[in-house]
Structures are given as structure tokens and as C-alpha cells.
Amino acid sequence: MPKSNRPSRETPDRVSANARAVPLAVYRELAAELQATQTLLDSLHEQNQKLSRDNQQLSTENQQLKSEIAKVVTSVQHMGNVAQSFELGDTPLEALRERSLEFNGLPATTPGQLSSLQAVTEQPANPNPFEMTGEEVGEKKWFLTIVLAIVIGAFGVGYFVARPLISGR
């Protein structure tokens, strides 16, 4: 049967009626799943943003720590060089002063120029309270011996006084 150029007798309403219908419950279920998936996607996106910010902050802190460590290493090397020069004893004080000023980023100065610079002092570290000289150790030993003798004497006298009272009962 040849096809003709005539328009089909079926109207759009008839075509949709003949097509398979999807129940409304399926559409609702799909919409709920889509909503849940969208919520999950938004949550994951927020977590990703937070982790990115945290990562950036940690990266910045890491860079700061690296620079601080580099400064400490440089300072320790400089202190080692200064300590070696003091051990050798061949470096005059003026050369040490120039080297120290150059290390700190200041130009080397003459004694006359030093008066115009602002003085910076450092507080010495607190000495270890447990470190004692030989004389202090001797004094502490005598003090400890006297205290120990008093304690033993007091307990001994108390024992000899209280013993007859206790055994008398």
C-alpha cells in the first residue's frame, strides 16, 4: 500500500492517548530523588569549599613555618661561626661587631656612629634554679643534715615518751 501525502487522521490528542502513560507516582518519586541528589550535591559542594579554604590556610601556615625554620637555621649557622671564632680566639672584637651588624642587615659602623644607633638589649635567660655552685651544695647538705637530725630526734623522743604510756594501759 503506497503512502499518500494526505495528512494522518490521528490528531495530537489521539497520539498521546495511544502512547504509554507513566504514572504520576513515578514522576513524584523521581522528583524526590532528584531533590535528594541536589541536596547531596550542594552539601558536597559546601564541604569542598570549606576544605579548599582550610587547605589554603594550612598552605599559608606551612610557608610561614618554612621561612621561620630557614631563619632559625641561618641564625644557628651564624652562632656556630661566632662560637668557632671565639674558640679560636683569633678574631678581634671589631671584626665580630662588623660581622654581627652585617648579619642583622645593618651597615658596619664605627664606634662614633654607634652612639647614634638605638640601643637594643636582651634580657639574659633565667638561670636554671637547680644549678648550684660547690659552695651552695655544701650549704644545702648541712641544712638537709640538720633538718633530718631534728626530725629523727623529734620522732625518737616522741617514741620513748609515748611507749611507756601505751604499754602502761
N, C-alpha and C. Protein backbone atom coordinates (compact mmCIF):
# COMPACT_ATOMS: atom_id res chain seq x y z
N MET A 1 0.82 -1.16 0.00
CA MET A 1 0.00 0.00 0.00
C MET A 1 0.87 1.24 0.00
N PRO A 2 0.78 2.03 -1.04
CA PRO A 2 1.59 3.23 -1.12
C PRO A 2 1.11 4.29 -0.15
N LYS A 3 2.08 5.03 0.31
CA LYS A 3 1.74 6.11 1.24
C LYS A 3 1.27 7.31 0.46
N SER A 4 0.33 7.92 0.98
CA SER A 4 -0.18 9.12 0.32
C SER A 4 0.28 10.35 1.08
N ASN A 5 0.16 11.46 0.45
CA ASN A 5 0.57 12.71 1.06
C ASN A 5 -0.54 13.32 1.90
N ARG A 6 -1.53 12.54 2.12
CA ARG A 6 -2.64 13.04 2.92
C ARG A 6 -2.24 13.12 4.39
N PRO A 7 -2.78 14.07 5.05
CA PRO A 7 -2.50 14.15 6.47
C PRO A 7 -3.14 12.98 7.21
N SER A 8 -2.50 12.60 8.27
CA SER A 8 -2.99 11.48 9.06
C SER A 8 -4.27 11.86 9.76
N ARG A 9 -5.08 10.86 9.94
CA ARG A 9 -6.35 11.13 10.59
C ARG A 9 -6.18 11.27 12.11
N GLU A 10 -5.06 10.84 12.62
CA GLU A 10 -4.87 10.90 14.06
C GLU A 10 -4.46 12.31 14.45
N THR A 11 -5.10 12.82 15.43
CA THR A 11 -4.79 14.15 15.95
C THR A 11 -3.79 14.01 17.10
N PRO A 12 -3.19 15.09 17.50
CA PRO A 12 -2.23 15.01 18.60
C PRO A 12 -2.83 14.42 19.86
N ASP A 13 -4.07 14.66 20.13
CA ASP A 13 -4.70 14.10 21.33
C ASP A 13 -4.75 12.58 21.23
N ARG A 14 -5.05 12.10 20.04
CA ARG A 14 -5.14 10.66 19.84
C ARG A 14 -3.76 10.01 19.96
N VAL A 15 -2.71 10.70 19.50
CA VAL A 15 -1.35 10.16 19.57
C VAL A 15 -0.94 10.02 21.02
N SER A 16 -1.19 11.04 21.82
CA SER A 16 -0.81 10.97 23.23
C SER A 16 -1.64 9.93 23.97
N ALA A 17 -2.83 9.72 23.58
CA ALA A 17 -3.66 8.71 24.22
C ALA A 17 -3.15 7.33 23.89
N ASN A 18 -2.61 7.14 22.70
CA ASN A 18 -2.09 5.84 22.32
C ASN A 18 -0.72 5.56 22.94
N ALA A 19 0.04 6.61 23.25
CA ALA A 19 1.37 6.42 23.83
C ALA A 19 1.23 5.85 25.24
N ARG A 20 2.28 5.17 25.68
CA ARG A 20 2.21 4.60 27.02
C ARG A 20 2.24 5.72 28.05
N ALA A 21 1.43 5.64 29.01
CA ALA A 21 1.33 6.65 30.06
C ALA A 21 2.21 6.24 31.23
N VAL A 22 2.91 7.23 31.85
CA VAL A 22 3.74 6.99 33.03
C VAL A 22 2.93 7.46 34.22
N PRO A 23 2.82 6.62 35.22
CA PRO A 23 2.02 7.02 36.38
C PRO A 23 2.60 8.25 37.08
N LEU A 24 1.75 9.02 37.67
CA LEU A 24 2.14 10.25 38.36
C LEU A 24 3.03 9.94 39.57
N ALA A 25 2.83 8.80 40.19
CA ALA A 25 3.64 8.41 41.35
C ALA A 25 5.11 8.26 40.96
N VAL A 26 5.36 7.77 39.75
CA VAL A 26 6.74 7.62 39.29
C VAL A 26 7.39 8.99 39.13
N TYR A 27 6.65 9.94 38.59
CA TYR A 27 7.18 11.30 38.45
C TYR A 27 7.49 11.90 39.83
N ARG A 28 6.61 11.68 40.79
CA ARG A 28 6.83 12.20 42.14
C ARG A 28 8.07 11.56 42.77
N GLU A 29 8.21 10.27 42.59
CA GLU A 29 9.36 9.55 43.13
C GLU A 29 10.65 10.07 42.50
N LEU A 30 10.65 10.25 41.20
CA LEU A 30 11.83 10.78 40.51
C LEU A 30 12.14 12.20 40.97
N ALA A 31 11.10 13.01 41.18
CA ALA A 31 11.30 14.38 41.65
C ALA A 31 11.92 14.37 43.05
N ALA A 32 11.46 13.46 43.92
CA ALA A 32 12.01 13.37 45.27
C ALA A 32 13.48 12.93 45.22
N GLU A 33 13.79 11.95 44.37
CA GLU A 33 15.18 11.50 44.23
C GLU A 33 16.05 12.62 43.67
N LEU A 34 15.53 13.36 42.72
CA LEU A 34 16.27 14.48 42.15
C LEU A 34 16.54 15.54 43.22
N GLN A 35 15.53 15.81 44.05
CA GLN A 35 15.69 16.78 45.13
C GLN A 35 16.76 16.31 46.12
N ALA A 36 16.73 15.03 46.50
CA ALA A 36 17.72 14.49 47.43
C ALA A 36 19.12 14.55 46.82
N THR A 37 19.23 14.22 45.56
CA THR A 37 20.52 14.27 44.88
C THR A 37 21.04 15.70 44.82
N GLN A 38 20.16 16.65 44.55
CA GLN A 38 20.56 18.06 44.50
C GLN A 38 21.03 18.52 45.88
N THR A 39 20.33 18.12 46.94
CA THR A 39 20.73 18.48 48.30
C THR A 39 22.10 17.90 48.63
N LEU A 40 22.31 16.64 48.26
CA LEU A 40 23.60 15.99 48.49
C LEU A 40 24.71 16.70 47.71
N LEU A 41 24.42 17.06 46.49
CA LEU A 41 25.40 17.76 45.65
C LEU A 41 25.76 19.12 46.26
N ASP A 42 24.75 19.84 46.76
CA ASP A 42 25.01 21.13 47.41
C ASP A 42 25.86 20.95 48.66
N SER A 43 25.55 19.92 49.44
CA SER A 43 26.31 19.64 50.66
C SER A 43 27.77 19.33 50.32
N LEU A 44 27.98 18.50 49.32
CA LEU A 44 29.34 18.16 48.90
C LEU A 44 30.09 19.38 48.38
N HIS A 45 29.38 20.25 47.69
CA HIS A 45 30.00 21.48 47.18
C HIS A 45 30.45 22.37 48.35
N GLU A 46 29.60 22.49 49.38
CA GLU A 46 29.97 23.30 50.55
C GLU A 46 31.17 22.70 51.27
N GLN A 47 31.18 21.36 51.41
CA GLN A 47 32.32 20.71 52.04
C GLN A 47 33.60 20.95 51.23
N ASN A 48 33.49 20.89 49.93
CA ASN A 48 34.64 21.12 49.06
C ASN A 48 35.16 22.55 49.24
N GLN A 49 34.25 23.51 49.32
CA GLN A 49 34.66 24.90 49.52
C GLN A 49 35.38 25.07 50.86
N LYS A 50 34.82 24.46 51.92
CA LYS A 50 35.43 24.56 53.25
C LYS A 50 36.81 23.92 53.25
N LEU A 51 36.92 22.74 52.66
CA LEU A 51 38.22 22.06 52.60
C LEU A 51 39.23 22.87 51.79
N SER A 52 38.76 23.52 50.74
CA SER A 52 39.66 24.36 49.94
C SER A 52 40.19 25.53 50.77
N ARG A 53 39.29 26.16 51.55
CA ARG A 53 39.72 27.27 52.41
C ARG A 53 40.71 26.77 53.47
N ASP A 54 40.39 25.63 54.10
CA ASP A 54 41.29 25.07 55.10
C ASP A 54 42.65 24.72 54.49
N ASN A 55 42.63 24.16 53.30
CA ASN A 55 43.87 23.80 52.62
C ASN A 55 44.70 25.06 52.33
N GLN A 56 44.05 26.11 51.90
CA GLN A 56 44.76 27.36 51.61
C GLN A 56 45.39 27.92 52.88
N GLN A 57 44.63 27.87 53.99
CA GLN A 57 45.15 28.37 55.26
C GLN A 57 46.35 27.54 55.72
N LEU A 58 46.23 26.22 55.62
CA LEU A 58 47.34 25.36 56.02
C LEU A 58 48.56 25.57 55.12
N SER A 59 48.32 25.81 53.86
CA SER A 59 49.42 26.07 52.94
C SER A 59 50.15 27.35 53.33
N THR A 60 49.39 28.38 53.69
CA THR A 60 49.99 29.64 54.11
C THR A 60 50.81 29.44 55.39
N GLU A 61 50.23 28.72 56.36
CA GLU A 61 50.95 28.46 57.60
C GLU A 61 52.21 27.64 57.33
N ASN A 62 52.13 26.70 56.41
CA ASN A 62 53.29 25.89 56.05
C ASN A 62 54.41 26.77 55.49
N GLN A 63 54.05 27.70 54.62
CA GLN A 63 55.05 28.61 54.05
C GLN A 63 55.69 29.47 55.15
N GLN A 64 54.86 29.95 56.09
CA GLN A 64 55.39 30.76 57.19
C GLN A 64 56.36 29.94 58.04
N LEU A 65 55.98 28.69 58.33
CA LEU A 65 56.86 27.84 59.13
C LEU A 65 58.17 27.56 58.40
N LYS A 66 58.08 27.34 57.09
CA LYS A 66 59.30 27.11 56.32
C LYS A 66 60.23 28.32 56.40
N SER A 67 59.67 29.52 56.29
CA SER A 67 60.51 30.71 56.35
C SER A 67 61.10 30.89 57.75
N GLU A 68 60.31 30.59 58.79
CA GLU A 68 60.83 30.69 60.15
C GLU A 68 61.95 29.67 60.38
N ILE A 69 61.78 28.47 59.87
CA ILE A 69 62.81 27.44 60.02
C ILE A 69 64.08 27.87 59.29
N ALA A 70 63.92 28.45 58.12
CA ALA A 70 65.09 28.93 57.37
C ALA A 70 65.82 30.01 58.17
N LYS A 71 65.07 30.91 58.81
CA LYS A 71 65.69 31.95 59.63
C LYS A 71 66.44 31.33 60.81
N VAL A 72 65.82 30.33 61.45
CA VAL A 72 66.46 29.69 62.60
C VAL A 72 67.74 28.99 62.16
N VAL A 73 67.69 28.29 61.04
CA VAL A 73 68.88 27.59 60.54
C VAL A 73 69.99 28.60 60.26
N THR A 74 69.65 29.71 59.64
CA THR A 74 70.65 30.73 59.35
C THR A 74 71.24 31.29 60.64
N SER A 75 70.38 31.54 61.63
CA SER A 75 70.87 32.06 62.91
C SER A 75 71.78 31.06 63.61
N VAL A 76 71.39 29.79 63.58
CA VAL A 76 72.21 28.76 64.22
C VAL A 76 73.57 28.65 63.53
N GLN A 77 73.58 28.72 62.21
CA GLN A 77 74.85 28.66 61.50
C GLN A 77 75.72 29.86 61.87
N HIS A 78 75.10 31.02 61.95
CA HIS A 78 75.84 32.22 62.32
C HIS A 78 76.40 32.09 63.74
N MET A 79 75.58 31.57 64.66
CA MET A 79 76.05 31.39 66.04
C MET A 79 77.18 30.38 66.09
N GLY A 80 77.08 29.34 65.29
CA GLY A 80 78.16 28.36 65.23
C GLY A 80 79.45 28.99 64.75
N ASN A 81 79.36 29.84 63.74
CA ASN A 81 80.55 30.53 63.24
C ASN A 81 81.14 31.45 64.31
N VAL A 82 80.27 32.16 65.02
CA VAL A 82 80.75 33.06 66.08
C VAL A 82 81.39 32.25 67.19
N ALA A 83 80.77 31.12 67.56
CA ALA A 83 81.33 30.28 68.62
C ALA A 83 82.69 29.74 68.21
N GLN A 84 82.83 29.34 66.96
CA GLN A 84 84.12 28.84 66.49
C GLN A 84 85.17 29.94 66.53
N SER A 85 84.77 31.14 66.17
CA SER A 85 85.74 32.23 66.18
C SER A 85 86.17 32.57 67.61
N PHE A 86 85.27 32.43 68.58
CA PHE A 86 85.65 32.66 69.97
C PHE A 86 86.56 31.54 70.46
N GLU A 87 86.32 30.32 70.01
CA GLU A 87 87.17 29.20 70.41
C GLU A 87 88.59 29.39 69.87
N LEU A 88 88.67 29.85 68.64
CA LEU A 88 89.98 30.06 68.03
C LEU A 88 90.67 31.26 68.64
N GLY A 89 89.90 32.28 69.00
CA GLY A 89 90.44 33.46 69.64
C GLY A 89 91.25 34.36 68.73
N ASP A 90 91.17 34.18 67.43
CA ASP A 90 91.97 34.99 66.53
C ASP A 90 91.17 36.12 65.89
N THR A 91 89.88 36.23 66.17
CA THR A 91 89.06 37.28 65.58
C THR A 91 88.94 38.44 66.56
N PRO A 92 89.36 39.62 66.16
CA PRO A 92 89.23 40.76 67.07
C PRO A 92 87.76 41.16 67.25
N LEU A 93 87.51 41.89 68.32
CA LEU A 93 86.15 42.28 68.67
C LEU A 93 85.50 43.14 67.59
N GLU A 94 86.26 44.02 66.97
CA GLU A 94 85.70 44.89 65.92
C GLU A 94 85.22 44.07 64.73
N ALA A 95 85.96 43.04 64.34
CA ALA A 95 85.54 42.20 63.21
C ALA A 95 84.26 41.46 63.55
N LEU A 96 84.15 41.01 64.79
CA LEU A 96 82.91 40.34 65.21
C LEU A 96 81.73 41.31 65.18
N ARG A 97 81.96 42.54 65.62
CA ARG A 97 80.89 43.54 65.64
C ARG A 97 80.42 43.82 64.20
N GLU A 98 81.38 43.99 63.28
CA GLU A 98 81.01 44.25 61.88
C GLU A 98 80.24 43.07 61.30
N ARG A 99 80.72 41.87 61.57
CA ARG A 99 80.06 40.68 61.03
C ARG A 99 78.64 40.54 61.61
N SER A 100 78.50 40.84 62.89
CA SER A 100 77.19 40.75 63.53
C SER A 100 76.23 41.78 62.95
N LEU A 101 76.71 43.00 62.75
CA LEU A 101 75.85 44.04 62.19
C LEU A 101 75.46 43.73 60.76
N GLU A 102 76.42 43.19 59.98
CA GLU A 102 76.11 42.83 58.60
C GLU A 102 75.09 41.69 58.56
N PHE A 103 75.18 40.76 59.50
CA PHE A 103 74.23 39.65 59.55
C PHE A 103 72.83 40.16 59.84
N ASN A 104 72.73 41.16 60.71
CA ASN A 104 71.42 41.70 61.07
C ASN A 104 70.88 42.66 60.02
N GLY A 105 71.59 42.87 58.96
CA GLY A 105 71.11 43.74 57.89
C GLY A 105 71.48 45.20 58.11
N LEU A 106 72.30 45.50 59.10
CA LEU A 106 72.71 46.87 59.36
C LEU A 106 74.11 47.07 58.78
N PRO A 107 74.40 48.27 58.35
CA PRO A 107 75.74 48.52 57.82
C PRO A 107 76.76 48.53 58.97
N ALA A 108 77.98 48.17 58.63
CA ALA A 108 79.05 48.21 59.63
C ALA A 108 79.26 49.67 60.04
N THR A 109 79.48 49.89 61.33
CA THR A 109 79.61 51.26 61.83
C THR A 109 80.90 51.39 62.63
N THR A 110 81.29 52.62 62.81
CA THR A 110 82.44 52.93 63.65
C THR A 110 81.93 53.21 65.05
N PRO A 111 82.81 53.22 66.05
CA PRO A 111 82.34 53.49 67.42
C PRO A 111 81.63 54.83 67.55
N GLY A 112 82.02 55.84 66.77
CA GLY A 112 81.34 57.13 66.83
C GLY A 112 79.92 57.06 66.31
N GLN A 113 79.71 56.22 65.32
CA GLN A 113 78.37 56.08 64.75
C GLN A 113 77.47 55.23 65.64
N LEU A 114 78.06 54.41 66.50
CA LEU A 114 77.25 53.53 67.35
C LEU A 114 76.38 54.32 68.31
N SER A 115 76.85 55.51 68.73
CA SER A 115 76.07 56.29 69.68
C SER A 115 74.76 56.78 69.05
N SER A 116 74.73 56.95 67.73
CA SER A 116 73.51 57.42 67.08
C SER A 116 72.51 56.30 66.86
N LEU A 117 72.97 55.05 66.91
CA LEU A 117 72.05 53.92 66.73
C LEU A 117 71.28 53.67 68.01
N GLN A 118 70.08 53.20 67.86
CA GLN A 118 69.26 52.89 69.03
C GLN A 118 69.80 51.62 69.69
N ALA A 119 69.94 51.67 70.99
CA ALA A 119 70.48 50.52 71.71
C ALA A 119 69.39 49.47 71.90
N VAL A 120 69.76 48.24 71.64
CA VAL A 120 68.84 47.13 71.85
C VAL A 120 69.52 46.17 72.80
N THR A 121 68.84 45.83 73.87
CA THR A 121 69.42 44.89 74.83
C THR A 121 68.52 43.68 74.93
N GLU A 122 69.13 42.60 75.30
CA GLU A 122 68.37 41.38 75.51
C GLU A 122 68.47 41.01 76.98
N GLN A 123 67.38 40.50 77.50
CA GLN A 123 67.39 40.02 78.87
C GLN A 123 68.06 38.66 78.89
N PRO A 124 68.95 38.42 79.81
CA PRO A 124 69.55 37.08 79.87
C PRO A 124 68.49 36.06 80.26
N ALA A 125 68.65 34.88 79.76
CA ALA A 125 67.71 33.82 80.10
C ALA A 125 67.81 33.54 81.59
N ASN A 126 66.69 33.15 82.19
CA ASN A 126 66.71 32.83 83.61
C ASN A 126 67.64 31.65 83.84
N PRO A 127 68.54 31.79 84.79
CA PRO A 127 69.44 30.67 85.05
C PRO A 127 68.64 29.50 85.61
N ASN A 128 69.16 28.33 85.43
CA ASN A 128 68.50 27.14 85.91
C ASN A 128 68.51 27.16 87.44
N PRO A 129 67.35 27.12 88.10
CA PRO A 129 67.33 27.21 89.56
C PRO A 129 67.94 25.98 90.22
N PHE A 130 68.11 24.90 89.51
CA PHE A 130 68.64 23.69 90.09
C PHE A 130 70.17 23.60 89.95
N GLU A 131 70.76 24.51 89.22
CA GLU A 131 72.20 24.52 89.09
C GLU A 131 72.78 25.27 90.29
N MET A 132 73.72 24.64 90.99
CA MET A 132 74.30 25.25 92.18
C MET A 132 75.82 25.18 92.09
N THR A 133 76.44 26.12 92.73
CA THR A 133 77.89 26.09 92.81
C THR A 133 78.29 25.14 93.93
N GLY A 134 79.56 24.84 94.04
CA GLY A 134 80.05 23.93 95.07
C GLY A 134 79.74 24.42 96.47
N GLU A 135 79.86 25.72 96.68
CA GLU A 135 79.59 26.30 97.99
C GLU A 135 78.11 26.15 98.36
N GLU A 136 77.23 26.40 97.39
CA GLU A 136 75.80 26.26 97.65
C GLU A 136 75.43 24.82 97.95
N VAL A 137 76.08 23.87 97.27
CA VAL A 137 75.81 22.46 97.51
C VAL A 137 76.20 22.10 98.95
N GLY A 138 77.34 22.58 99.41
CA GLY A 138 77.78 22.32 100.78
C GLY A 138 76.80 22.88 101.80
N GLU A 139 76.34 24.11 101.57
CA GLU A 139 75.38 24.73 102.48
C GLU A 139 74.08 23.93 102.51
N LYS A 140 73.62 23.49 101.37
CA LYS A 140 72.37 22.72 101.30
C LYS A 140 72.52 21.37 102.00
N LYS A 141 73.71 20.75 101.90
CA LYS A 141 73.93 19.46 102.58
C LYS A 141 73.84 19.64 104.09
N TRP A 142 74.47 20.71 104.61
CA TRP A 142 74.40 20.94 106.05
C TRP A 142 72.97 21.23 106.48
N PHE A 143 72.26 22.02 105.72
CA PHE A 143 70.87 22.34 106.05
C PHE A 143 70.03 21.06 106.07
N LEU A 144 70.19 20.21 105.07
CA LEU A 144 69.45 18.95 105.00
C LEU A 144 69.81 18.03 106.16
N THR A 145 71.08 17.98 106.54
CA THR A 145 71.52 17.15 107.66
C THR A 145 70.89 17.63 108.97
N ILE A 146 70.86 18.93 109.19
CA ILE A 146 70.27 19.48 110.41
C ILE A 146 68.77 19.19 110.47
N VAL A 147 68.07 19.39 109.36
CA VAL A 147 66.63 19.11 109.33
C VAL A 147 66.37 17.64 109.59
N LEU A 148 67.14 16.76 108.99
CA LEU A 148 66.99 15.32 109.18
C LEU A 148 67.25 14.94 110.63
N ALA A 149 68.26 15.53 111.26
CA ALA A 149 68.56 15.24 112.67
C ALA A 149 67.41 15.69 113.57
N ILE A 150 66.83 16.84 113.31
CA ILE A 150 65.71 17.34 114.10
C ILE A 150 64.51 16.40 113.96
N VAL A 151 64.20 15.98 112.74
CA VAL A 151 63.05 15.10 112.52
C VAL A 151 63.27 13.77 113.23
N ILE A 152 64.44 13.17 113.08
CA ILE A 152 64.72 11.88 113.72
C ILE A 152 64.70 12.03 115.25
N GLY A 153 65.27 13.11 115.74
CA GLY A 153 65.26 13.34 117.19
C GLY A 153 63.85 13.52 117.72
N ALA A 154 63.03 14.28 117.02
CA ALA A 154 61.66 14.51 117.48
C ALA A 154 60.86 13.21 117.49
N PHE A 155 60.99 12.40 116.45
CA PHE A 155 60.27 11.12 116.43
C PHE A 155 60.82 10.17 117.50
N GLY A 156 62.13 10.19 117.70
CA GLY A 156 62.72 9.32 118.73
C GLY A 156 62.23 9.69 120.12
N VAL A 157 62.25 10.97 120.45
CA VAL A 157 61.77 11.43 121.76
C VAL A 157 60.29 11.10 121.91
N GLY A 158 59.53 11.35 120.87
CA GLY A 158 58.10 11.03 120.92
C GLY A 158 57.86 9.55 121.13
N TYR A 159 58.67 8.72 120.51
CA TYR A 159 58.52 7.26 120.65
C TYR A 159 58.83 6.84 122.09
N PHE A 160 59.95 7.36 122.65
CA PHE A 160 60.33 6.97 124.01
C PHE A 160 59.37 7.53 125.05
N VAL A 161 58.74 8.65 124.80
CA VAL A 161 57.77 9.21 125.74
C VAL A 161 56.43 8.49 125.62
N ALA A 162 56.00 8.21 124.41
CA ALA A 162 54.68 7.61 124.21
C ALA A 162 54.69 6.11 124.47
N ARG A 163 55.80 5.44 124.34
CA ARG A 163 55.86 3.98 124.50
C ARG A 163 55.48 3.55 125.92
N PRO A 164 56.03 4.19 126.93
CA PRO A 164 55.61 3.76 128.28
C PRO A 164 54.13 4.04 128.55
N LEU A 165 53.61 5.13 127.96
CA LEU A 165 52.20 5.44 128.18
C LEU A 165 51.30 4.40 127.51
N ILE A 166 51.67 3.95 126.32
CA ILE A 166 50.87 2.98 125.57
C ILE A 166 50.97 1.60 126.23
N SER A 167 52.17 1.20 126.63
CA SER A 167 52.33 -0.13 127.21
C SER A 167 51.79 -0.18 128.64
N GLY A 168 51.60 0.98 129.28
CA GLY A 168 51.05 1.03 130.63
C GLY A 168 49.57 0.73 130.65
N ARG A 169 48.88 0.81 129.61
CA ARG A 169 47.44 0.57 129.57
C ARG A 169 47.20 -0.85 129.61
